[in-house]
Amino acid sequence: MDNPNSLVIKNGNVLLPSGDLVSRDVLVEDERIRNLGSDLEAQTQIDAAGGYVLPGLIDLHTIGIHTESAEKGDLAEYAKIEASHGATTFYPTLFCSPGDNAAHMERHRRETDDLRRVPQVGGFRLESPYLAIASGGSENSLAPISPETTQMLLAAGGGHIKIWDISPELEGAPDAIRQLSDAGVVCSIAHTRATIQQGRDAVDAGARLVTHLFDVFFYMPERKDPDPDIYAPGLIDYLLIEDRLTCEIIGDGTHVDPMLVEKAFRCKPPDKFAFTTDSNYGAGLPPGQHAPPGDWGNILIRDPNDGVRLVDREMMLAGSALTPINGFRNVIRMFNKDIATASHVWSRNPARLMGLNKGEIAIDKDADLIVLDENLDLLYTIAAGRIVYGT
């Protein structure tokens, strides 16, 4: 009771690392989980009222949310919005030219005291420039792999680039992956027409993640059998059975058909599958038309699972409208998994991939937690032992 930095969550069903939900109090002190038990006391108390106490959600890939942009927005405001949707860690994702990526990272670092003011930010993710296919992004955001560009971006990131997307077929990809992996950056296979061998070369060089599996992956069969009845495997087949890789997926049922989501669940080891939002402007806003900043024009949000639609461009899909808590609930309601599985793909597995002391409720883990009611509605988000969202 004497510790002013103490907090206890009472009367909750707590998800343990075993996957069991048990009635426990959770005691938090000095940003860590310090005890799990009964009749625990602290300066601040939260009554979970029979709801769920779960690890905080980790969003590996987010470009925008509400009217904030990972590129041009305010990361402190971005973090508040993410907290209101259950995220205790997120990776703001940049998709610009090398120079613009560098400028955005430098500005964010200046404005946040080198990210110290935004502990929810796990670091930056660079989706560009090392891509073979822009897809929904601009061709002007792409650039050949070069040591000079890599060093310039690493310097601009100041040690905070944590994920870097790379198409395996680009010249110099294995060397870049090896260099970045040695520097502690998680390299992700992305936006590609690569062959299986090019994918395997990327993994051998150190790639450990796959960017939004099934999206912007083009089927390039390996075999040229004269018999058309013979199925020729392609890169996705390899990615699904390569146990060194964690595959992330946009779980809204629009970006990836539910049958393919189930296929990934069955193929990937339980700790090598992660869900993410890849959210964009408009995610988390109520249904209707909105006018985000910049030159997007009007966007339409019909439903969190329908994506962001460009009204002036024939309702073209322009990214995901998911928030982390939407995505978490989808694992249960759309893909028919239990709460433990939903927590694993939204918390435990991303934490393990990124080497974080998070993602599970256990003594001495970081106190990043969410409290949900019986209907899976978000009541509280706790990051680093501090309530950052509460109803």
Protein backbone atom coordinates (compact mmCIF):
# COMPACT_ATOMS: atom_id res chain seq x y z
CA MET A 1 0.00 0.00 0.00
CA ASP A 2 2.97 2.37 0.51
CA ASN A 3 4.16 2.30 -3.09
CA PRO A 4 2.61 5.26 -4.96
CA ASN A 5 3.35 3.47 -8.25
CA SER A 6 1.27 0.43 -7.34
CA LEU A 7 -1.95 -0.74 -8.95
CA VAL A 8 -4.09 -3.83 -8.49
CA ILE A 9 -6.69 -5.29 -10.84
CA LYS A 10 -9.28 -7.23 -8.86
CA ASN A 11 -12.14 -9.61 -9.67
CA GLY A 12 -10.86 -10.49 -13.14
CA ASN A 13 -10.44 -13.67 -15.14
CA VAL A 14 -6.71 -13.55 -15.79
CA LEU A 15 -5.15 -15.25 -18.81
CA LEU A 16 -2.09 -17.20 -17.67
CA PRO A 17 0.80 -18.25 -19.95
CA SER A 18 -0.65 -21.79 -19.89
CA GLY A 19 -3.73 -20.49 -21.71
CA ASP A 20 -5.96 -20.97 -18.67
CA LEU A 21 -8.32 -18.25 -17.48
CA VAL A 22 -8.33 -18.09 -13.68
CA SER A 23 -9.74 -15.77 -11.04
CA ARG A 24 -6.79 -13.74 -9.74
CA ASP A 25 -5.81 -10.29 -8.61
CA VAL A 26 -2.92 -8.75 -10.54
CA LEU A 27 -0.53 -6.49 -8.62
CA VAL A 28 1.53 -3.97 -10.59
CA GLU A 29 4.44 -2.02 -9.13
CA ASP A 30 7.04 0.14 -10.88
CA GLU A 31 5.93 -0.85 -14.41
CA ARG A 32 6.10 -4.63 -13.78
CA ILE A 33 3.70 -7.38 -12.76
CA ARG A 34 4.76 -8.21 -9.21
CA ASN A 35 2.18 -10.68 -7.93
CA LEU A 36 -0.79 -12.82 -8.93
CA GLY A 37 -3.03 -13.90 -6.09
CA SER A 38 -6.05 -13.01 -3.99
CA ASP A 39 -6.87 -10.12 -1.68
CA LEU A 40 -3.97 -8.05 -3.06
CA GLU A 41 -3.90 -4.32 -2.23
CA ALA A 42 -2.40 -1.24 -3.90
CA GLN A 43 -2.70 2.54 -4.05
CA THR A 44 -4.90 2.34 -7.16
CA GLN A 45 -7.52 -0.35 -7.70
CA ILE A 46 -9.38 -1.43 -10.83
CA ASP A 47 -12.44 -3.64 -10.54
CA ALA A 48 -12.59 -5.97 -13.55
CA ALA A 49 -16.09 -7.01 -12.41
CA GLY A 50 -15.80 -10.55 -13.72
CA GLY A 51 -14.35 -9.54 -17.06
CA TYR A 52 -11.04 -10.50 -18.64
CA VAL A 53 -7.53 -9.36 -17.77
CA LEU A 54 -5.27 -9.97 -20.76
CA PRO A 55 -1.87 -8.93 -22.07
CA GLY A 56 -1.92 -5.63 -23.95
CA LEU A 57 -2.24 -5.82 -27.72
CA ILE A 58 0.83 -5.30 -29.93
CA ASP A 59 0.27 -3.84 -33.40
CA LEU A 60 3.26 -4.60 -35.60
CA HIS A 61 2.04 -2.60 -38.59
CA THR A 62 0.02 0.61 -38.52
CA ILE A 63 0.17 3.46 -41.04
CA GLY A 64 -2.69 5.59 -39.69
CA ILE A 65 -5.57 5.66 -37.25
CA HIS A 66 -8.52 8.07 -36.95
CA THR A 67 -7.09 11.23 -38.58
CA GLU A 68 -3.51 10.62 -37.43
CA SER A 69 -0.72 9.46 -39.74
CA ALA A 70 2.39 7.56 -38.73
CA GLU A 71 4.27 9.76 -41.17
CA LYS A 72 2.97 13.30 -40.63
CA GLY A 73 1.03 12.99 -37.38
CA ASP A 74 1.76 13.47 -33.70
CA LEU A 75 3.00 10.25 -32.11
CA ALA A 76 1.79 11.27 -28.65
CA GLU A 77 -1.75 11.70 -30.00
CA TYR A 78 -1.37 8.50 -32.02
CA ALA A 79 -0.46 6.65 -28.82
CA LYS A 80 -3.57 7.95 -27.02
CA ILE A 81 -5.78 6.72 -29.84
CA GLU A 82 -4.03 3.34 -29.97
CA ALA A 83 -4.53 3.00 -26.20
CA SER A 84 -8.26 3.62 -26.66
CA HIS A 85 -8.26 0.58 -28.96
CA GLY A 86 -6.26 -1.73 -26.68
CA ALA A 87 -2.71 -1.32 -28.03
CA THR A 88 0.05 -1.09 -25.43
CA THR A 89 2.78 -1.32 -28.08
CA PHE A 90 2.65 -0.29 -31.73
CA TYR A 91 5.10 0.23 -34.59
CA PRO A 92 4.32 3.36 -36.64
CA THR A 93 4.90 2.35 -40.24
CA LEU A 94 6.37 4.66 -42.89
CA PHE A 95 5.79 4.26 -46.63
CA CYS A 96 7.65 7.17 -48.28
CA SER A 97 10.75 7.94 -50.28
CA PRO A 98 14.03 7.42 -48.42
CA GLY A 99 14.42 11.14 -47.81
CA ASP A 100 10.89 11.57 -46.51
CA ASN A 101 11.18 8.48 -44.30
CA ALA A 102 14.34 9.95 -42.79
CA ALA A 103 12.74 13.36 -42.25
CA HIS A 104 9.66 11.87 -40.57
CA MET A 105 11.76 9.75 -38.19
CA GLU A 106 13.98 12.69 -37.28
CA ARG A 107 10.96 14.89 -36.56
CA HIS A 108 9.27 12.22 -34.44
CA ARG A 109 12.47 11.73 -32.44
CA ARG A 110 12.80 15.47 -31.81
CA GLU A 111 9.17 15.89 -30.78
CA THR A 112 9.16 12.90 -28.40
CA ASP A 113 12.56 13.25 -26.72
CA ASP A 114 13.89 10.39 -28.84
CA LEU A 115 10.65 8.40 -28.26
CA ARG A 116 10.98 8.53 -24.46
CA ARG A 117 7.68 10.43 -24.22
CA VAL A 118 5.83 7.68 -26.10
CA PRO A 119 6.71 4.35 -24.43
CA GLN A 120 3.91 2.64 -26.37
CA VAL A 121 5.97 3.12 -29.55
CA GLY A 122 8.07 0.00 -29.97
CA GLY A 123 10.04 1.66 -32.76
CA PHE A 124 9.67 2.56 -36.41
CA ARG A 125 8.77 0.21 -39.21
CA LEU A 126 9.92 0.98 -42.75
CA GLU A 127 7.60 -0.58 -45.32
CA SER A 128 9.46 1.27 -48.07
CA PRO A 129 11.76 1.91 -49.90
CA TYR A 130 13.09 -1.60 -50.57
CA LEU A 131 10.05 -3.04 -52.32
CA ALA A 132 9.59 -4.52 -55.80
CA ILE A 133 5.89 -3.56 -55.98
CA ALA A 134 4.34 -0.38 -54.59
CA SER A 135 0.76 -1.75 -54.62
CA GLY A 136 -1.31 0.83 -52.71
CA GLY A 137 1.70 3.07 -52.16
CA SER A 138 3.47 5.42 -54.54
CA GLU A 139 6.12 4.27 -56.98
CA ASN A 140 8.07 7.36 -55.86
CA SER A 141 8.49 5.67 -52.47
CA LEU A 142 10.59 2.85 -53.93
CA ALA A 143 14.36 2.84 -54.34
CA PRO A 144 17.08 0.31 -55.16
CA ILE A 145 18.94 -1.23 -52.26
CA SER A 146 22.17 0.61 -51.61
CA PRO A 147 24.57 0.81 -48.64
CA GLU A 148 24.32 4.60 -48.71
CA THR A 149 20.52 4.60 -48.44
CA THR A 150 20.59 1.96 -45.70
CA GLN A 151 23.13 3.90 -43.64
CA MET A 152 21.27 7.19 -44.11
CA LEU A 153 18.00 5.67 -42.87
CA LEU A 154 19.65 3.88 -39.95
CA ALA A 155 21.22 7.16 -38.88
CA ALA A 156 17.90 9.00 -39.17
CA GLY A 157 16.21 6.32 -37.07
CA GLY A 158 18.77 6.67 -34.29
CA GLY A 159 18.53 3.02 -33.32
CA HIS A 160 14.72 3.03 -33.35
CA ILE A 161 14.08 1.22 -36.65
CA LYS A 162 12.86 -2.16 -35.45
CA ILE A 163 11.20 -3.66 -38.57
CA TRP A 164 12.27 -3.22 -42.21
CA ASP A 165 10.32 -4.67 -45.13
CA ILE A 166 12.30 -5.97 -48.12
CA SER A 167 11.34 -7.75 -51.35
CA PRO A 168 13.65 -10.78 -51.68
CA GLU A 169 14.06 -10.47 -55.47
CA LEU A 170 15.72 -7.06 -55.32
CA GLU A 171 19.40 -6.95 -56.15
CA GLY A 172 21.38 -6.94 -52.91
CA ALA A 173 18.48 -8.13 -50.76
CA PRO A 174 20.31 -10.95 -48.92
CA ASP A 175 23.26 -8.71 -48.06
CA ALA A 176 20.95 -5.94 -46.80
CA ILE A 177 18.93 -8.43 -44.75
CA ARG A 178 22.11 -9.84 -43.24
CA GLN A 179 23.41 -6.38 -42.34
CA LEU A 180 20.13 -5.20 -40.83
CA SER A 181 19.56 -8.44 -38.94
CA ASP A 182 23.04 -8.19 -37.44
CA ALA A 183 22.09 -4.67 -36.32
CA GLY A 184 19.02 -6.01 -34.48
CA VAL A 185 16.39 -5.05 -37.07
CA VAL A 186 13.66 -7.59 -37.85
CA CYS A 187 13.56 -7.96 -41.64
CA SER A 188 10.23 -8.83 -43.24
CA ILE A 189 9.51 -10.37 -46.64
CA ALA A 190 7.08 -8.07 -48.46
CA HIS A 191 5.43 -6.92 -51.73
CA THR A 192 6.96 -9.57 -53.90
CA ARG A 193 7.01 -11.85 -56.92
CA ALA A 194 9.99 -13.74 -55.53
CA THR A 195 10.69 -17.37 -56.23
CA ILE A 196 10.93 -19.95 -53.47
CA GLN A 197 14.71 -19.88 -53.73
CA GLN A 198 14.81 -16.10 -53.39
CA GLY A 199 12.56 -16.39 -50.35
CA ARG A 200 14.78 -19.09 -48.87
CA ASP A 201 17.86 -16.95 -49.48
CA ALA A 202 16.19 -14.10 -47.57
CA VAL A 203 15.40 -16.38 -44.64
CA ASP A 204 18.91 -17.82 -44.62
CA ALA A 205 20.20 -14.24 -44.51
CA GLY A 206 18.08 -13.52 -41.43
CA ALA A 207 14.53 -12.52 -42.46
CA ARG A 208 12.14 -13.54 -39.70
CA LEU A 209 8.79 -11.94 -40.60
CA VAL A 210 6.32 -11.92 -43.49
CA THR A 211 4.41 -8.70 -44.18
CA HIS A 212 0.61 -9.08 -44.43
CA LEU A 213 0.69 -12.67 -45.74
CA PHE A 214 -1.35 -13.20 -48.94
CA ASP A 215 -1.51 -9.45 -49.65
CA VAL A 216 0.83 -8.23 -52.45
CA PHE A 217 2.22 -11.75 -52.91
CA PHE A 218 1.99 -12.91 -56.50
CA TYR A 219 1.92 -16.56 -57.51
CA MET A 220 5.10 -17.47 -59.39
CA PRO A 221 5.09 -21.27 -59.85
CA GLU A 222 8.47 -22.92 -59.52
CA ARG A 223 7.96 -25.86 -61.83
CA LYS A 224 7.20 -25.77 -65.54
CA ASP A 225 5.69 -29.22 -65.80
CA PRO A 226 4.20 -30.01 -69.17
CA ASP A 227 1.21 -31.63 -67.43
CA PRO A 228 -1.23 -28.86 -66.42
CA ASP A 229 -2.79 -31.15 -63.83
CA ILE A 230 0.29 -30.92 -61.59
CA TYR A 231 0.22 -28.18 -58.97
CA ALA A 232 3.42 -26.13 -58.94
CA PRO A 233 4.29 -24.69 -55.50
CA GLY A 234 5.03 -21.00 -55.10
CA LEU A 235 6.47 -18.66 -52.50
CA ILE A 236 3.44 -18.63 -50.19
CA ASP A 237 3.58 -22.41 -49.92
CA TYR A 238 7.16 -22.08 -48.72
CA LEU A 239 6.37 -19.25 -46.27
CA LEU A 240 3.61 -21.33 -44.67
CA ILE A 241 5.95 -24.23 -43.89
CA GLU A 242 9.10 -22.24 -43.05
CA ASP A 243 9.19 -22.42 -39.25
CA ARG A 244 11.84 -19.71 -38.93
CA LEU A 245 9.29 -17.15 -40.12
CA THR A 246 6.48 -15.45 -38.26
CA CYS A 247 3.67 -14.59 -40.68
CA GLU A 248 1.56 -11.52 -39.96
CA ILE A 249 -1.93 -11.26 -41.40
CA ILE A 250 -4.62 -8.58 -41.70
CA GLY A 251 -7.53 -10.31 -40.03
CA ASP A 252 -10.55 -8.43 -41.31
CA GLY A 253 -11.93 -11.03 -43.76
CA THR A 254 -11.57 -8.49 -46.59
CA HIS A 255 -7.82 -8.39 -47.11
CA VAL A 256 -7.55 -12.17 -46.63
CA ASP A 257 -10.34 -14.67 -47.19
CA PRO A 258 -11.27 -16.49 -43.95
CA MET A 259 -10.39 -19.83 -45.55
CA LEU A 260 -6.83 -18.63 -46.12
CA VAL A 261 -6.67 -17.36 -42.53
CA GLU A 262 -7.66 -20.84 -41.36
CA LYS A 263 -5.04 -22.35 -43.67
CA ALA A 264 -2.37 -20.19 -42.03
CA PHE A 265 -3.58 -21.17 -38.55
CA ARG A 266 -3.21 -24.83 -39.50
CA CYS A 267 0.16 -24.48 -41.22
CA LYS A 268 2.11 -22.14 -38.95
CA PRO A 269 3.43 -23.25 -35.53
CA PRO A 270 1.33 -21.72 -32.73
CA ASP A 271 4.03 -19.15 -31.87
CA LYS A 272 4.81 -18.13 -35.48
CA PHE A 273 1.56 -16.45 -36.46
CA ALA A 274 0.61 -12.85 -35.66
CA PHE A 275 -2.30 -10.61 -36.47
CA THR A 276 -1.90 -6.93 -37.26
CA THR A 277 -4.06 -4.05 -38.45
CA ASP A 278 -2.03 -2.38 -41.23
CA SER A 279 -4.49 0.39 -40.40
CA ASN A 280 -4.73 3.60 -42.35
CA TYR A 281 -6.49 6.97 -42.09
CA GLY A 282 -10.06 6.34 -40.98
CA ALA A 283 -9.45 3.24 -38.87
CA GLY A 284 -11.50 3.46 -35.71
CA LEU A 285 -13.77 6.26 -36.94
CA PRO A 286 -17.56 5.74 -36.92
CA PRO A 287 -19.33 4.60 -40.09
CA GLY A 288 -19.78 7.33 -42.67
CA GLN A 289 -17.79 9.63 -44.93
CA HIS A 290 -14.74 11.41 -43.59
CA ALA A 291 -12.18 13.83 -45.00
CA PRO A 292 -8.72 12.97 -43.64
CA PRO A 293 -5.79 15.39 -43.94
CA GLY A 294 -3.86 15.59 -47.19
CA ASP A 295 -4.99 14.81 -50.71
CA TRP A 296 -6.95 11.62 -50.09
CA GLY A 297 -10.32 13.20 -50.73
CA ASN A 298 -13.33 11.66 -49.02
CA ILE A 299 -13.12 8.20 -47.50
CA LEU A 300 -15.97 5.89 -46.55
CA ILE A 301 -15.94 3.69 -43.48
CA ARG A 302 -18.80 1.19 -43.68
CA ASP A 303 -17.51 -1.30 -41.12
CA PRO A 304 -14.14 -1.99 -39.42
CA ASN A 305 -13.83 -5.15 -41.49
CA ASP A 306 -14.63 -3.54 -44.85
CA GLY A 307 -11.47 -1.44 -45.11
CA VAL A 308 -10.95 2.22 -45.92
CA ARG A 309 -12.69 3.11 -49.22
CA LEU A 310 -11.82 6.06 -51.47
CA VAL A 311 -15.13 7.70 -52.39
CA ASP A 312 -13.71 9.62 -55.36
CA ARG A 313 -11.96 6.57 -56.81
CA GLU A 314 -14.80 4.09 -57.25
CA MET A 315 -14.62 2.91 -53.63
CA MET A 316 -11.11 1.55 -54.11
CA LEU A 317 -9.72 -0.24 -51.05
CA ALA A 318 -7.04 2.00 -49.51
CA GLY A 319 -5.98 0.04 -46.48
CA SER A 320 -7.43 -1.49 -43.38
CA ALA A 321 -10.01 0.12 -41.10
CA LEU A 322 -9.17 -2.26 -38.26
CA THR A 323 -8.13 -1.23 -34.79
CA PRO A 324 -6.27 -3.66 -32.53
CA ILE A 325 -9.33 -4.46 -30.40
CA ASN A 326 -11.42 -5.05 -33.56
CA GLY A 327 -8.75 -7.44 -34.79
CA PHE A 328 -8.59 -9.23 -31.45
CA ARG A 329 -12.35 -9.77 -31.39
CA ASN A 330 -12.26 -10.99 -35.01
CA VAL A 331 -10.00 -13.88 -34.02
CA ILE A 332 -12.79 -15.07 -31.74
CA ARG A 333 -15.93 -14.07 -33.62
CA MET A 334 -14.89 -14.32 -37.27
CA PHE A 335 -12.25 -17.06 -37.14
CA ASN A 336 -13.78 -19.08 -34.27
CA LYS A 337 -10.75 -19.27 -31.97
CA ASP A 338 -10.65 -19.01 -28.18
CA ILE A 339 -9.47 -16.06 -26.09
CA ALA A 340 -6.06 -17.62 -25.46
CA THR A 341 -5.41 -18.02 -29.20
CA ALA A 342 -6.54 -14.45 -29.84
CA SER A 343 -4.14 -13.23 -27.17
CA HIS A 344 -1.30 -15.30 -28.57
CA VAL A 345 -1.56 -13.84 -32.08
CA TRP A 346 -2.08 -10.28 -30.81
CA SER A 347 0.29 -10.22 -27.83
CA ARG A 348 2.51 -13.19 -27.05
CA ASN A 349 3.73 -13.95 -30.57
CA PRO A 350 4.52 -10.34 -31.56
CA ALA A 351 6.34 -9.88 -28.23
CA ARG A 352 8.47 -12.98 -28.81
CA LEU A 353 9.27 -11.94 -32.36
CA MET A 354 10.42 -8.50 -31.22
CA GLY A 355 12.23 -9.72 -28.10
CA LEU A 356 9.96 -7.80 -25.70
CA ASN A 357 9.34 -8.55 -22.04
CA LYS A 358 5.61 -8.38 -22.76
CA GLY A 359 2.76 -10.40 -24.16
CA GLU A 360 2.08 -12.64 -21.16
CA ILE A 361 0.77 -12.15 -17.63
CA ALA A 362 3.50 -13.46 -15.35
CA ILE A 363 5.57 -12.10 -12.50
CA ASP A 364 8.27 -9.62 -13.65
CA LYS A 365 6.75 -9.18 -17.10
CA ASP A 366 6.11 -5.60 -18.18
CA ALA A 367 2.76 -4.36 -16.88
CA ASP A 368 1.12 -3.93 -20.29
CA LEU A 369 -2.46 -5.10 -19.82
CA ILE A 370 -6.02 -4.68 -21.03
CA VAL A 371 -9.25 -5.24 -19.13
CA LEU A 372 -12.31 -6.32 -21.15
CA ASP A 373 -15.87 -6.89 -20.02
CA GLU A 374 -17.75 -10.10 -20.66
CA ASN A 375 -18.71 -8.84 -24.14
CA LEU A 376 -15.05 -8.18 -25.01
CA ASP A 377 -15.53 -4.41 -24.87
CA LEU A 378 -12.45 -2.52 -23.73
CA LEU A 379 -12.61 -1.07 -20.20
CA TYR A 380 -8.96 -0.21 -19.46
CA THR A 381 -5.59 -0.13 -21.16
CA ILE A 382 -2.52 -0.16 -18.93
CA ALA A 383 0.91 0.52 -20.42
CA ALA A 384 4.10 0.38 -18.37
CA GLY A 385 1.96 0.10 -15.25
CA ARG A 386 0.02 3.29 -15.98
CA ILE A 387 -3.65 3.59 -16.93
CA VAL A 388 -3.57 5.14 -20.40
CA TYR A 389 -7.21 4.51 -21.22
CA GLY A 390 -10.24 3.95 -19.00
CA THR A 391 -13.98 4.08 -19.45
